[in-house]
Amino acid sequence: MARYIGPVCKLCRREGEKLFLKGERCFSPKCSFEKRDYAPGQHGRAASRMRSRRESDYARQLRAKQRARRVYGVLERQFRRYYRMALKRRGLTGLNLLQILESRLDNVIYRLGFATSRAHARQLVTHGHFTVNGRRTDIPSMILKVGDQIAVREGSRKLPYFKELPSLAEARTAPAWLERDVKNLTASVLRLPERSEIEGFLNEQLIVEYYSR
């Protein structure tokens, strides 16, 4: 299972905006982007100044695609596969793509407030702490469907993290397309998310244009 293992703060700096990849740290003064809001590397400051100039259409499309990949922690091959899935569905390809990404199990765990970041959610799922429709799973990329039931595995509820999780999850609001029972650490997928319920800084139209070249 391939994944990016480099410093994630550099990804935010490369995109020129916070992608909130490290959970609570991104909201604290320790956030690296607050200290160095220019692109990483030897010529980072110069690259950031060039960003203010007019970018080519290809550059804008590439940056939109890279931003979405980095937000959801997906590598290129898998992202391209999601795009092909979106093409086959009815409706707008861009919205279909974002809905597929939002329906990943690791993203749903994050959206429910059961993890502080998508990377944290991916780790929890990989360690087998969750069940889907009563069956234990360790596949973060599992695409959930409407009606699927998610729960913390019975054997994991005794761990200190999950004992404290109800109070931690209460502080975060779950989106309307998910139903959450914080006390019992269970949830279900009510419907697919609408565009207004997905990250606003993602530009799905530019992603579609990139793959349509």
N, C-alpha and C. Protein backbone atom coordinates (compact mmCIF):
# COMPACT_ATOMS: atom_id res chain seq x y z
N MET A 1 0.86 -1.19 0.00
CA MET A 1 0.00 0.00 0.00
C MET A 1 0.89 1.24 0.00
N ALA A 2 1.01 1.92 -1.15
CA ALA A 2 1.89 3.07 -1.29
C ALA A 2 1.27 4.31 -0.63
N ARG A 3 2.13 5.13 -0.06
CA ARG A 3 1.68 6.38 0.53
C ARG A 3 2.85 7.35 0.62
N TYR A 4 2.56 8.62 0.72
CA TYR A 4 3.59 9.64 0.86
C TYR A 4 4.10 9.64 2.29
N ILE A 5 5.43 9.56 2.48
CA ILE A 5 6.00 9.50 3.83
C ILE A 5 6.94 10.67 4.10
N GLY A 6 6.95 11.66 3.22
CA GLY A 6 7.81 12.82 3.42
C GLY A 6 7.16 13.84 4.34
N PRO A 7 7.83 14.98 4.58
CA PRO A 7 7.30 16.03 5.45
C PRO A 7 6.07 16.70 4.82
N VAL A 8 4.93 16.62 5.50
CA VAL A 8 3.69 17.12 4.90
C VAL A 8 3.61 18.64 4.91
N CYS A 9 4.33 19.30 5.83
CA CYS A 9 4.27 20.76 5.86
C CYS A 9 4.83 21.37 4.56
N LYS A 10 5.75 20.66 3.93
CA LYS A 10 6.29 21.14 2.66
C LYS A 10 5.21 21.14 1.57
N LEU A 11 4.25 20.23 1.70
CA LEU A 11 3.17 20.18 0.71
C LEU A 11 2.32 21.43 0.79
N CYS A 12 2.03 21.87 2.01
CA CYS A 12 1.26 23.11 2.17
C CYS A 12 2.01 24.30 1.60
N ARG A 13 3.31 24.35 1.90
CA ARG A 13 4.12 25.46 1.41
C ARG A 13 4.20 25.45 -0.12
N ARG A 14 4.25 24.26 -0.70
CA ARG A 14 4.31 24.18 -2.16
C ARG A 14 3.03 24.68 -2.79
N GLU A 15 1.89 24.42 -2.16
CA GLU A 15 0.61 24.86 -2.71
C GLU A 15 0.29 26.31 -2.35
N GLY A 16 1.06 26.88 -1.42
CA GLY A 16 0.85 28.27 -1.06
C GLY A 16 -0.33 28.51 -0.16
N GLU A 17 -0.83 27.45 0.50
CA GLU A 17 -1.95 27.60 1.42
C GLU A 17 -2.00 26.40 2.37
N LYS A 18 -2.67 26.57 3.48
CA LYS A 18 -2.80 25.49 4.45
C LYS A 18 -3.73 24.41 3.90
N LEU A 19 -3.27 23.17 3.97
CA LEU A 19 -4.10 22.04 3.57
C LEU A 19 -4.58 21.26 4.79
N PHE A 20 -4.17 21.69 5.98
CA PHE A 20 -4.59 21.10 7.26
C PHE A 20 -4.33 19.59 7.27
N LEU A 21 -3.06 19.24 7.04
CA LEU A 21 -2.67 17.83 6.96
C LEU A 21 -2.19 17.27 8.29
N LYS A 22 -1.99 18.14 9.30
CA LYS A 22 -1.46 17.66 10.58
C LYS A 22 -2.41 17.90 11.74
N GLY A 23 -3.68 17.99 11.46
CA GLY A 23 -4.67 18.10 12.53
C GLY A 23 -4.55 19.38 13.34
N GLU A 24 -4.55 19.24 14.67
CA GLU A 24 -4.57 20.38 15.57
C GLU A 24 -3.34 21.27 15.42
N ARG A 25 -2.21 20.69 15.03
CA ARG A 25 -0.99 21.47 14.89
C ARG A 25 -1.16 22.60 13.88
N CYS A 26 -1.99 22.37 12.86
CA CYS A 26 -2.20 23.38 11.83
C CYS A 26 -2.89 24.63 12.38
N PHE A 27 -3.56 24.50 13.52
CA PHE A 27 -4.26 25.63 14.12
C PHE A 27 -3.44 26.30 15.22
N SER A 28 -2.21 25.82 15.44
CA SER A 28 -1.36 26.34 16.51
C SER A 28 -0.21 27.16 15.93
N PRO A 29 0.48 27.94 16.79
CA PRO A 29 1.64 28.73 16.33
C PRO A 29 2.79 27.85 15.84
N LYS A 30 2.76 26.56 16.13
CA LYS A 30 3.82 25.65 15.70
C LYS A 30 3.73 25.31 14.22
N CYS A 31 2.64 25.68 13.59
CA CYS A 31 2.44 25.37 12.17
C CYS A 31 3.58 25.95 11.34
N SER A 32 4.24 25.12 10.56
CA SER A 32 5.38 25.56 9.75
C SER A 32 4.99 26.58 8.69
N PHE A 33 3.76 26.48 8.20
CA PHE A 33 3.32 27.42 7.16
C PHE A 33 3.24 28.84 7.71
N GLU A 34 2.95 28.99 9.00
CA GLU A 34 2.88 30.32 9.61
C GLU A 34 4.26 30.96 9.65
N LYS A 35 5.30 30.12 9.79
CA LYS A 35 6.66 30.64 9.89
C LYS A 35 7.30 30.85 8.51
N ARG A 36 6.96 29.96 7.57
CA ARG A 36 7.57 30.03 6.24
C ARG A 36 6.48 29.76 5.20
N ASP A 37 5.85 30.83 4.76
CA ASP A 37 4.73 30.67 3.83
C ASP A 37 5.17 30.75 2.37
N TYR A 38 6.43 30.41 2.12
CA TYR A 38 6.93 30.39 0.76
C TYR A 38 7.25 28.94 0.37
N ALA A 39 7.42 28.69 -0.92
CA ALA A 39 7.65 27.34 -1.41
C ALA A 39 8.94 26.77 -0.84
N PRO A 40 9.00 25.44 -0.61
CA PRO A 40 10.22 24.83 -0.08
C PRO A 40 11.32 24.78 -1.13
N GLY A 41 12.55 24.55 -0.67
CA GLY A 41 13.66 24.43 -1.60
C GLY A 41 14.53 25.66 -1.65
N GLN A 42 15.65 25.54 -2.34
CA GLN A 42 16.64 26.61 -2.42
C GLN A 42 16.08 27.89 -3.02
N HIS A 43 15.19 27.73 -3.98
CA HIS A 43 14.63 28.91 -4.67
C HIS A 43 13.17 29.13 -4.27
N GLY A 44 12.82 28.75 -3.05
CA GLY A 44 11.44 28.83 -2.60
C GLY A 44 10.87 30.23 -2.61
N ARG A 45 11.63 31.20 -2.12
CA ARG A 45 11.11 32.58 -2.07
C ARG A 45 10.87 33.12 -3.47
N ALA A 46 11.79 32.82 -4.39
CA ALA A 46 11.63 33.29 -5.77
C ALA A 46 10.43 32.63 -6.41
N ALA A 47 10.22 31.33 -6.13
CA ALA A 47 9.08 30.61 -6.70
C ALA A 47 7.77 31.20 -6.20
N SER A 48 7.75 31.61 -4.93
CA SER A 48 6.54 32.20 -4.37
C SER A 48 6.23 33.54 -5.01
N ARG A 49 7.28 34.32 -5.31
CA ARG A 49 7.05 35.61 -5.98
C ARG A 49 6.53 35.40 -7.39
N MET A 50 7.01 34.34 -8.06
CA MET A 50 6.55 34.06 -9.43
C MET A 50 5.10 33.63 -9.45
N ARG A 51 4.60 33.10 -8.29
CA ARG A 51 3.24 32.63 -8.23
C ARG A 51 2.24 33.77 -8.46
N SER A 52 2.69 34.99 -8.09
CA SER A 52 1.80 36.14 -8.24
C SER A 52 1.65 36.56 -9.70
N ARG A 53 2.56 36.09 -10.56
CA ARG A 53 2.45 36.39 -11.99
C ARG A 53 1.38 35.50 -12.62
N ARG A 54 1.04 35.79 -13.85
CA ARG A 54 0.00 35.02 -14.53
C ARG A 54 0.50 33.60 -14.81
N GLU A 55 -0.22 32.59 -14.32
CA GLU A 55 0.12 31.20 -14.56
C GLU A 55 -0.53 30.72 -15.85
N SER A 56 0.09 29.74 -16.47
CA SER A 56 -0.50 29.14 -17.66
C SER A 56 -1.70 28.28 -17.24
N ASP A 57 -2.54 27.95 -18.21
CA ASP A 57 -3.70 27.10 -17.91
C ASP A 57 -3.24 25.75 -17.38
N TYR A 58 -2.19 25.21 -17.99
CA TYR A 58 -1.69 23.90 -17.55
C TYR A 58 -1.21 23.96 -16.10
N ALA A 59 -0.51 25.04 -15.74
CA ALA A 59 0.00 25.17 -14.36
C ALA A 59 -1.15 25.21 -13.36
N ARG A 60 -2.21 25.94 -13.68
CA ARG A 60 -3.36 26.02 -12.78
C ARG A 60 -4.06 24.67 -12.66
N GLN A 61 -4.17 23.96 -13.78
CA GLN A 61 -4.80 22.63 -13.75
C GLN A 61 -3.97 21.65 -12.94
N LEU A 62 -2.65 21.68 -13.13
CA LEU A 62 -1.76 20.79 -12.40
C LEU A 62 -1.82 21.07 -10.90
N ARG A 63 -1.80 22.33 -10.53
CA ARG A 63 -1.83 22.67 -9.11
C ARG A 63 -3.15 22.25 -8.47
N ALA A 64 -4.26 22.37 -9.20
CA ALA A 64 -5.56 21.95 -8.67
C ALA A 64 -5.59 20.45 -8.44
N LYS A 65 -5.01 19.69 -9.37
CA LYS A 65 -4.97 18.24 -9.23
C LYS A 65 -4.06 17.83 -8.08
N GLN A 66 -2.89 18.46 -7.98
CA GLN A 66 -1.94 18.13 -6.91
C GLN A 66 -2.52 18.49 -5.54
N ARG A 67 -3.23 19.61 -5.48
CA ARG A 67 -3.82 20.02 -4.21
C ARG A 67 -4.83 19.00 -3.71
N ALA A 68 -5.69 18.52 -4.60
CA ALA A 68 -6.69 17.51 -4.21
C ALA A 68 -6.02 16.21 -3.80
N ARG A 69 -5.01 15.80 -4.53
CA ARG A 69 -4.28 14.58 -4.19
C ARG A 69 -3.68 14.66 -2.80
N ARG A 70 -3.10 15.80 -2.49
CA ARG A 70 -2.42 15.96 -1.21
C ARG A 70 -3.39 16.08 -0.05
N VAL A 71 -4.51 16.72 -0.28
CA VAL A 71 -5.52 16.84 0.78
C VAL A 71 -6.01 15.46 1.21
N TYR A 72 -6.27 14.59 0.24
CA TYR A 72 -6.82 13.27 0.55
C TYR A 72 -5.76 12.18 0.71
N GLY A 73 -4.48 12.53 0.52
CA GLY A 73 -3.41 11.57 0.71
C GLY A 73 -3.42 10.45 -0.31
N VAL A 74 -3.68 10.80 -1.57
CA VAL A 74 -3.78 9.80 -2.64
C VAL A 74 -2.64 10.00 -3.63
N LEU A 75 -1.99 8.92 -4.06
CA LEU A 75 -0.94 9.01 -5.06
C LEU A 75 -1.54 9.04 -6.46
N GLU A 76 -0.71 9.36 -7.44
CA GLU A 76 -1.19 9.64 -8.80
C GLU A 76 -1.95 8.48 -9.43
N ARG A 77 -1.42 7.29 -9.32
CA ARG A 77 -2.06 6.15 -9.98
C ARG A 77 -3.47 5.91 -9.45
N GLN A 78 -3.62 6.00 -8.14
CA GLN A 78 -4.94 5.79 -7.54
C GLN A 78 -5.87 6.95 -7.86
N PHE A 79 -5.34 8.17 -7.88
CA PHE A 79 -6.16 9.33 -8.19
C PHE A 79 -6.70 9.23 -9.62
N ARG A 80 -5.85 8.79 -10.53
CA ARG A 80 -6.28 8.62 -11.92
C ARG A 80 -7.38 7.56 -12.03
N ARG A 81 -7.26 6.51 -11.21
CA ARG A 81 -8.28 5.47 -11.21
C ARG A 81 -9.62 6.03 -10.71
N TYR A 82 -9.58 6.89 -9.69
CA TYR A 82 -10.80 7.53 -9.20
C TYR A 82 -11.43 8.40 -10.28
N TYR A 83 -10.58 9.06 -11.08
CA TYR A 83 -11.11 9.90 -12.16
C TYR A 83 -11.84 9.05 -13.18
N ARG A 84 -11.29 7.88 -13.51
CA ARG A 84 -11.96 6.99 -14.47
C ARG A 84 -13.29 6.49 -13.90
N MET A 85 -13.33 6.24 -12.60
CA MET A 85 -14.59 5.85 -11.95
C MET A 85 -15.61 6.97 -12.06
N ALA A 86 -15.15 8.20 -11.85
CA ALA A 86 -16.05 9.36 -11.91
C ALA A 86 -16.61 9.55 -13.31
N LEU A 87 -15.80 9.27 -14.32
CA LEU A 87 -16.25 9.39 -15.71
C LEU A 87 -17.42 8.45 -16.01
N LYS A 88 -17.40 7.28 -15.41
CA LYS A 88 -18.42 6.27 -15.69
C LYS A 88 -19.74 6.54 -14.97
N ARG A 89 -19.71 7.38 -13.96
CA ARG A 89 -20.93 7.69 -13.22
C ARG A 89 -21.75 8.75 -13.94
N ARG A 90 -23.02 8.76 -13.68
CA ARG A 90 -23.88 9.81 -14.24
C ARG A 90 -23.64 11.11 -13.48
N GLY A 91 -23.85 12.23 -14.16
CA GLY A 91 -23.72 13.52 -13.51
C GLY A 91 -22.41 14.20 -13.87
N LEU A 92 -22.04 15.22 -13.09
CA LEU A 92 -20.83 15.99 -13.33
C LEU A 92 -19.60 15.20 -12.89
N THR A 93 -18.66 15.07 -13.79
CA THR A 93 -17.47 14.27 -13.50
C THR A 93 -16.69 14.83 -12.32
N GLY A 94 -16.54 16.15 -12.25
CA GLY A 94 -15.79 16.77 -11.15
C GLY A 94 -16.42 16.50 -9.81
N LEU A 95 -17.73 16.66 -9.72
CA LEU A 95 -18.43 16.40 -8.46
C LEU A 95 -18.36 14.92 -8.12
N ASN A 96 -18.51 14.06 -9.12
CA ASN A 96 -18.40 12.62 -8.88
C ASN A 96 -17.04 12.27 -8.28
N LEU A 97 -15.99 12.90 -8.80
CA LEU A 97 -14.64 12.64 -8.31
C LEU A 97 -14.50 13.03 -6.84
N LEU A 98 -14.99 14.21 -6.49
CA LEU A 98 -14.90 14.67 -5.10
C LEU A 98 -15.72 13.78 -4.18
N GLN A 99 -16.87 13.32 -4.65
CA GLN A 99 -17.71 12.44 -3.83
C GLN A 99 -17.02 11.09 -3.58
N ILE A 100 -16.31 10.60 -4.59
CA ILE A 100 -15.56 9.36 -4.41
C ILE A 100 -14.47 9.55 -3.37
N LEU A 101 -13.75 10.65 -3.45
CA LEU A 101 -12.69 10.93 -2.49
C LEU A 101 -13.25 11.09 -1.08
N GLU A 102 -14.39 11.77 -0.97
CA GLU A 102 -15.01 11.96 0.34
C GLU A 102 -15.53 10.65 0.92
N SER A 103 -15.84 9.69 0.06
CA SER A 103 -16.41 8.42 0.50
C SER A 103 -15.35 7.40 0.93
N ARG A 104 -14.09 7.74 0.80
CA ARG A 104 -13.04 6.85 1.30
C ARG A 104 -13.20 6.66 2.81
N LEU A 105 -12.92 5.47 3.29
CA LEU A 105 -13.11 5.18 4.71
C LEU A 105 -12.27 6.07 5.60
N ASP A 106 -11.00 6.33 5.23
CA ASP A 106 -10.17 7.17 6.09
C ASP A 106 -10.71 8.59 6.16
N ASN A 107 -11.24 9.11 5.04
CA ASN A 107 -11.82 10.45 5.07
C ASN A 107 -13.09 10.50 5.92
N VAL A 108 -13.92 9.46 5.82
CA VAL A 108 -15.16 9.41 6.61
C VAL A 108 -14.83 9.38 8.12
N ILE A 109 -13.83 8.60 8.50
CA ILE A 109 -13.42 8.55 9.91
C ILE A 109 -12.98 9.93 10.37
N TYR A 110 -12.25 10.64 9.53
CA TYR A 110 -11.81 12.01 9.86
C TYR A 110 -13.01 12.95 9.96
N ARG A 111 -13.92 12.86 9.00
CA ARG A 111 -15.09 13.74 9.01
C ARG A 111 -15.98 13.51 10.24
N LEU A 112 -16.00 12.28 10.72
CA LEU A 112 -16.81 11.96 11.90
C LEU A 112 -16.20 12.51 13.18
N GLY A 113 -14.95 12.94 13.12
CA GLY A 113 -14.28 13.44 14.32
C GLY A 113 -13.61 12.34 15.12
N PHE A 114 -13.51 11.14 14.53
CA PHE A 114 -12.88 10.01 15.22
C PHE A 114 -11.37 10.04 15.08
N ALA A 115 -10.83 10.98 14.29
CA ALA A 115 -9.39 11.13 14.11
C ALA A 115 -9.09 12.61 13.91
N THR A 116 -7.88 13.03 14.24
CA THR A 116 -7.53 14.45 14.17
C THR A 116 -7.14 14.89 12.76
N SER A 117 -6.79 13.96 11.90
CA SER A 117 -6.42 14.27 10.52
C SER A 117 -6.67 13.04 9.66
N ARG A 118 -6.60 13.20 8.36
CA ARG A 118 -6.80 12.05 7.48
C ARG A 118 -5.66 11.05 7.63
N ALA A 119 -4.45 11.53 7.87
CA ALA A 119 -3.32 10.62 8.08
C ALA A 119 -3.53 9.80 9.36
N HIS A 120 -4.04 10.47 10.39
CA HIS A 120 -4.34 9.77 11.65
C HIS A 120 -5.44 8.74 11.43
N ALA A 121 -6.46 9.11 10.67
CA ALA A 121 -7.56 8.18 10.37
C ALA A 121 -7.04 6.98 9.58
N ARG A 122 -6.15 7.24 8.65
CA ARG A 122 -5.58 6.14 7.85
C ARG A 122 -4.84 5.16 8.76
N GLN A 123 -4.10 5.68 9.72
CA GLN A 123 -3.36 4.82 10.65
C GLN A 123 -4.30 3.98 11.50
N LEU A 124 -5.37 4.60 12.01
CA LEU A 124 -6.33 3.88 12.84
C LEU A 124 -6.99 2.75 12.06
N VAL A 125 -7.36 3.04 10.81
CA VAL A 125 -8.01 2.02 9.98
C VAL A 125 -7.02 0.89 9.68
N THR A 126 -5.79 1.24 9.33
CA THR A 126 -4.78 0.24 9.00
C THR A 126 -4.53 -0.71 10.17
N HIS A 127 -4.65 -0.20 11.39
CA HIS A 127 -4.44 -1.02 12.58
C HIS A 127 -5.68 -1.85 12.95
N GLY A 128 -6.73 -1.74 12.14
CA GLY A 128 -7.89 -2.60 12.32
C GLY A 128 -8.82 -2.21 13.45
N HIS A 129 -8.92 -0.91 13.75
CA HIS A 129 -9.76 -0.47 14.86
C HIS A 129 -11.22 -0.26 14.48
N PHE A 130 -11.57 -0.39 13.20
CA PHE A 130 -12.94 -0.10 12.76
C PHE A 130 -13.55 -1.29 12.02
N THR A 131 -14.87 -1.33 12.07
CA THR A 131 -15.62 -2.32 11.29
C THR A 131 -16.55 -1.57 10.33
N VAL A 132 -16.82 -2.18 9.21
CA VAL A 132 -17.79 -1.67 8.23
C VAL A 132 -18.82 -2.76 8.01
N ASN A 133 -20.06 -2.44 8.33
CA ASN A 133 -21.17 -3.41 8.25
C ASN A 133 -20.86 -4.67 9.05
N GLY A 134 -20.23 -4.46 10.22
CA GLY A 134 -19.97 -5.57 11.14
C GLY A 134 -18.71 -6.36 10.87
N ARG A 135 -18.00 -6.03 9.80
CA ARG A 135 -16.78 -6.77 9.45
C ARG A 135 -15.55 -5.88 9.64
N ARG A 136 -14.56 -6.41 10.33
CA ARG A 136 -13.33 -5.66 10.56
C ARG A 136 -12.63 -5.38 9.23
N THR A 137 -12.12 -4.17 9.09
CA THR A 137 -11.41 -3.81 7.85
C THR A 137 -10.16 -3.03 8.18
N ASP A 138 -9.14 -3.19 7.35
CA ASP A 138 -7.90 -2.43 7.51
C ASP A 138 -7.50 -1.77 6.19
N ILE A 139 -8.50 -1.41 5.39
CA ILE A 139 -8.26 -0.81 4.07
C ILE A 139 -8.76 0.65 4.08
N PRO A 140 -7.86 1.62 4.27
CA PRO A 140 -8.28 3.03 4.33
C PRO A 140 -8.95 3.53 3.06
N SER A 141 -8.60 2.94 1.91
CA SER A 141 -9.13 3.42 0.63
C SER A 141 -10.49 2.82 0.28
N MET A 142 -11.07 2.03 1.16
CA MET A 142 -12.39 1.45 0.89
C MET A 142 -13.40 2.56 0.59
N ILE A 143 -14.13 2.42 -0.50
CA ILE A 143 -15.15 3.40 -0.87
C ILE A 143 -16.48 2.97 -0.25
N LEU A 144 -17.00 3.81 0.64
CA LEU A 144 -18.25 3.50 1.32
C LEU A 144 -19.45 3.86 0.46
N LYS A 145 -20.53 3.17 0.68
CA LYS A 145 -21.77 3.41 -0.06
C LYS A 145 -22.86 3.90 0.90
N VAL A 146 -23.91 4.45 0.34
CA VAL A 146 -25.04 4.91 1.15
C VAL A 146 -25.61 3.73 1.93
N GLY A 147 -25.77 3.89 3.23
CA GLY A 147 -26.30 2.84 4.08
C GLY A 147 -25.25 2.06 4.84
N ASP A 148 -23.97 2.23 4.49
CA ASP A 148 -22.92 1.50 5.19
C ASP A 148 -22.82 1.94 6.65
N GLN A 149 -22.56 0.98 7.52
CA GLN A 149 -22.47 1.23 8.96
C GLN A 149 -21.01 1.12 9.40
N ILE A 150 -20.53 2.15 10.10
CA ILE A 150 -19.15 2.17 10.60
C ILE A 150 -19.18 2.15 12.12
N ALA A 151 -18.26 1.42 12.73
CA ALA A 151 -18.19 1.36 14.19
C ALA A 151 -16.78 1.07 14.64
N VAL A 152 -16.46 1.53 15.86
CA VAL A 152 -15.18 1.17 16.46
C VAL A 152 -15.26 -0.29 16.89
N ARG A 153 -14.26 -1.08 16.57
CA ARG A 153 -14.25 -2.50 16.89
C ARG A 153 -14.34 -2.71 18.40
N GLU A 154 -15.08 -3.71 18.81
CA GLU A 154 -15.33 -3.96 20.23
C GLU A 154 -14.03 -4.09 21.02
N GLY A 155 -13.06 -4.80 20.45
CA GLY A 155 -11.80 -4.99 21.15
C GLY A 155 -10.98 -3.73 21.30
N SER A 156 -11.24 -2.71 20.45
CA SER A 156 -10.47 -1.46 20.50
C SER A 156 -11.06 -0.46 21.49
N ARG A 157 -12.29 -0.66 21.91
CA ARG A 157 -12.95 0.31 22.79
C ARG A 157 -12.29 0.40 24.17
N LYS A 158 -11.48 -0.61 24.53
CA LYS A 158 -10.81 -0.61 25.83
C LYS A 158 -9.53 0.22 25.83
N LEU A 159 -9.07 0.60 24.65
CA LEU A 159 -7.85 1.38 24.55
C LEU A 159 -8.07 2.80 25.05
N PRO A 160 -7.05 3.43 25.67
CA PRO A 160 -7.20 4.78 26.23
C PRO A 160 -7.71 5.80 25.22
N TYR A 161 -7.22 5.73 23.96
CA TYR A 161 -7.65 6.71 22.96
C TYR A 161 -9.15 6.65 22.73
N PHE A 162 -9.69 5.45 22.59
CA PHE A 162 -11.11 5.31 22.28
C PHE A 162 -11.98 5.53 23.51
N LYS A 163 -11.42 5.37 24.71
CA LYS A 163 -12.17 5.71 25.91
C LYS A 163 -12.41 7.21 26.01
N GLU A 164 -11.43 7.99 25.55
CA GLU A 164 -11.54 9.45 25.59
C GLU A 164 -12.18 10.03 24.33
N LEU A 165 -12.34 9.20 23.30
CA LEU A 165 -12.81 9.69 22.01
C LEU A 165 -14.19 10.36 22.04
N PRO A 166 -15.19 9.83 22.80
CA PRO A 166 -16.49 10.51 22.80
C PRO A 166 -16.42 11.99 23.14
N SER A 167 -15.65 12.35 24.17
CA SER A 167 -15.54 13.76 24.56
C SER A 167 -14.77 14.56 23.52
N LEU A 168 -13.78 13.95 22.87
CA LEU A 168 -13.01 14.64 21.84
C LEU A 168 -13.85 14.84 20.58
N ALA A 169 -14.61 13.83 20.20
CA ALA A 169 -15.42 13.91 18.98
C ALA A 169 -16.56 14.91 19.11
N GLU A 170 -17.08 15.07 20.31
CA GLU A 170 -18.18 16.01 20.55
C GLU A 170 -17.80 17.43 20.15
N ALA A 171 -16.51 17.74 20.26
CA ALA A 171 -16.05 19.10 19.95
C ALA A 171 -16.07 19.38 18.45
N ARG A 172 -16.20 18.35 17.64
CA ARG A 172 -16.23 18.52 16.19
C ARG A 172 -17.61 18.18 15.64
N THR A 173 -18.04 18.95 14.66
CA THR A 173 -19.35 18.74 14.06
C THR A 173 -19.24 17.82 12.85
N ALA A 174 -20.02 16.79 12.83
CA ALA A 174 -20.03 15.86 11.69
C ALA A 174 -20.89 16.45 10.57
N PRO A 175 -20.53 16.25 9.30
CA PRO A 175 -21.33 16.77 8.19
C PRO A 175 -22.70 16.10 8.13
N ALA A 176 -23.64 16.77 7.48
CA ALA A 176 -25.03 16.31 7.46
C ALA A 176 -25.20 15.00 6.68
N TRP A 177 -24.26 14.67 5.80
CA TRP A 177 -24.41 13.44 5.01
C TRP A 177 -23.99 12.20 5.80
N LEU A 178 -23.48 12.42 7.02
CA LEU A 178 -23.12 11.31 7.90
C LEU A 178 -23.93 11.38 9.18
N GLU A 179 -24.35 10.24 9.69
CA GLU A 179 -25.06 10.18 10.97
C GLU A 179 -24.12 9.56 12.00
N ARG A 180 -23.96 10.24 13.13
CA ARG A 180 -22.96 9.82 14.11
C ARG A 180 -23.57 9.62 15.48
N ASP A 181 -23.20 8.54 16.14
CA ASP A 181 -23.57 8.28 17.53
C ASP A 181 -22.28 8.28 18.33
N VAL A 182 -21.96 9.43 18.92
CA VAL A 182 -20.68 9.59 19.61
C VAL A 182 -20.58 8.68 20.83
N LYS A 183 -21.68 8.52 21.54
CA LYS A 183 -21.65 7.71 22.76
C LYS A 183 -21.30 6.26 22.45
N ASN A 184 -21.86 5.71 21.39
CA ASN A 184 -21.62 4.31 21.03
C ASN A 184 -20.52 4.14 19.99
N LEU A 185 -19.94 5.27 19.56
CA LEU A 185 -18.86 5.25 18.57
C LEU A 185 -19.26 4.49 17.31
N THR A 186 -20.44 4.84 16.81
CA THR A 186 -20.93 4.25 15.57
C THR A 186 -21.37 5.37 14.63
N ALA A 187 -21.53 5.03 13.36
CA ALA A 187 -21.96 6.03 12.38
C ALA A 187 -22.48 5.31 11.15
N SER A 188 -23.14 6.08 10.28
CA SER A 188 -23.64 5.52 9.02
C SER A 188 -23.61 6.59 7.95
N VAL A 189 -23.57 6.15 6.69
CA VAL A 189 -23.56 7.06 5.55
C VAL A 189 -25.01 7.24 5.10
N LEU A 190 -25.53 8.45 5.24
CA LEU A 190 -26.92 8.74 4.88
C LEU A 190 -27.09 8.99 3.39
N ARG A 191 -26.12 9.67 2.80
CA ARG A 191 -26.19 10.05 1.38
C ARG A 191 -24.80 10.49 0.94
N LEU A 192 -24.67 10.77 -0.35
CA LEU A 192 -23.42 11.33 -0.84
C LEU A 192 -23.36 12.82 -0.51
N PRO A 193 -22.17 13.36 -0.28
CA PRO A 193 -22.08 14.79 0.07
C PRO A 193 -22.42 15.69 -1.10
N GLU A 194 -23.01 16.84 -0.81
CA GLU A 194 -23.24 17.86 -1.82
C GLU A 194 -21.97 18.69 -1.98
N ARG A 195 -21.90 19.45 -3.07
CA ARG A 195 -20.67 20.22 -3.32
C ARG A 195 -20.37 21.20 -2.20
N SER A 196 -21.39 21.80 -1.62
CA SER A 196 -21.19 22.79 -0.56
C SER A 196 -20.64 22.16 0.72
N GLU A 197 -20.68 20.83 0.82
CA GLU A 197 -20.20 20.14 2.01
C GLU A 197 -18.78 19.60 1.85
N ILE A 198 -18.15 19.94 0.72
CA ILE A 198 -16.80 19.50 0.42
C ILE A 198 -15.89 20.72 0.42
N GLU A 199 -14.60 20.50 0.67
CA GLU A 199 -13.63 21.60 0.76
C GLU A 199 -13.83 22.62 -0.36
N GLY A 200 -13.99 23.88 0.03
CA GLY A 200 -14.26 24.92 -0.95
C GLY A 200 -13.07 25.32 -1.80
N PHE A 201 -11.83 25.10 -1.31
CA PHE A 201 -10.66 25.53 -2.07
C PHE A 201 -10.25 24.52 -3.14
N LEU A 202 -10.96 23.40 -3.26
CA LEU A 202 -10.69 22.44 -4.32
C LEU A 202 -11.43 22.86 -5.58
N ASN A 203 -10.77 22.78 -6.72
CA ASN A 203 -11.37 23.19 -7.99
C ASN A 203 -11.48 21.97 -8.90
N GLU A 204 -12.61 21.31 -8.84
CA GLU A 204 -12.78 20.07 -9.60
C GLU A 204 -12.82 20.29 -11.11
N GLN A 205 -13.24 21.50 -11.54
CA GLN A 205 -13.30 21.77 -12.97
C GLN A 205 -11.90 21.77 -13.59
N LEU A 206 -10.94 22.35 -12.87
CA LEU A 206 -9.57 22.37 -13.37
C LEU A 206 -8.98 20.96 -13.40
N ILE A 207 -9.39 20.11 -12.45
CA ILE A 207 -8.91 18.72 -12.43
C ILE A 207 -9.43 17.98 -13.67
N VAL A 208 -10.70 18.18 -13.98
CA VAL A 208 -11.29 17.55 -15.17
C VAL A 208 -10.57 18.04 -16.43
N GLU A 209 -10.28 19.33 -16.49
CA GLU A 209 -9.58 19.89 -17.65
C GLU A 209 -8.18 19.28 -17.78
N TYR A 210 -7.53 19.05 -16.63
CA TYR A 210 -6.19 18.45 -16.66
C TYR A 210 -6.21 17.08 -17.29
N TYR A 211 -7.15 16.23 -16.87
CA TYR A 211 -7.21 14.86 -17.39
C TYR A 211 -7.86 14.79 -18.76
N SER A 212 -8.47 15.87 -19.21
CA SER A 212 -9.13 15.86 -20.52
C SER A 212 -8.20 16.37 -21.63
N ARG A 213 -6.99 16.73 -21.28
CA ARG A 213 -6.08 17.27 -22.29
C ARG A 213 -5.80 16.25 -23.41
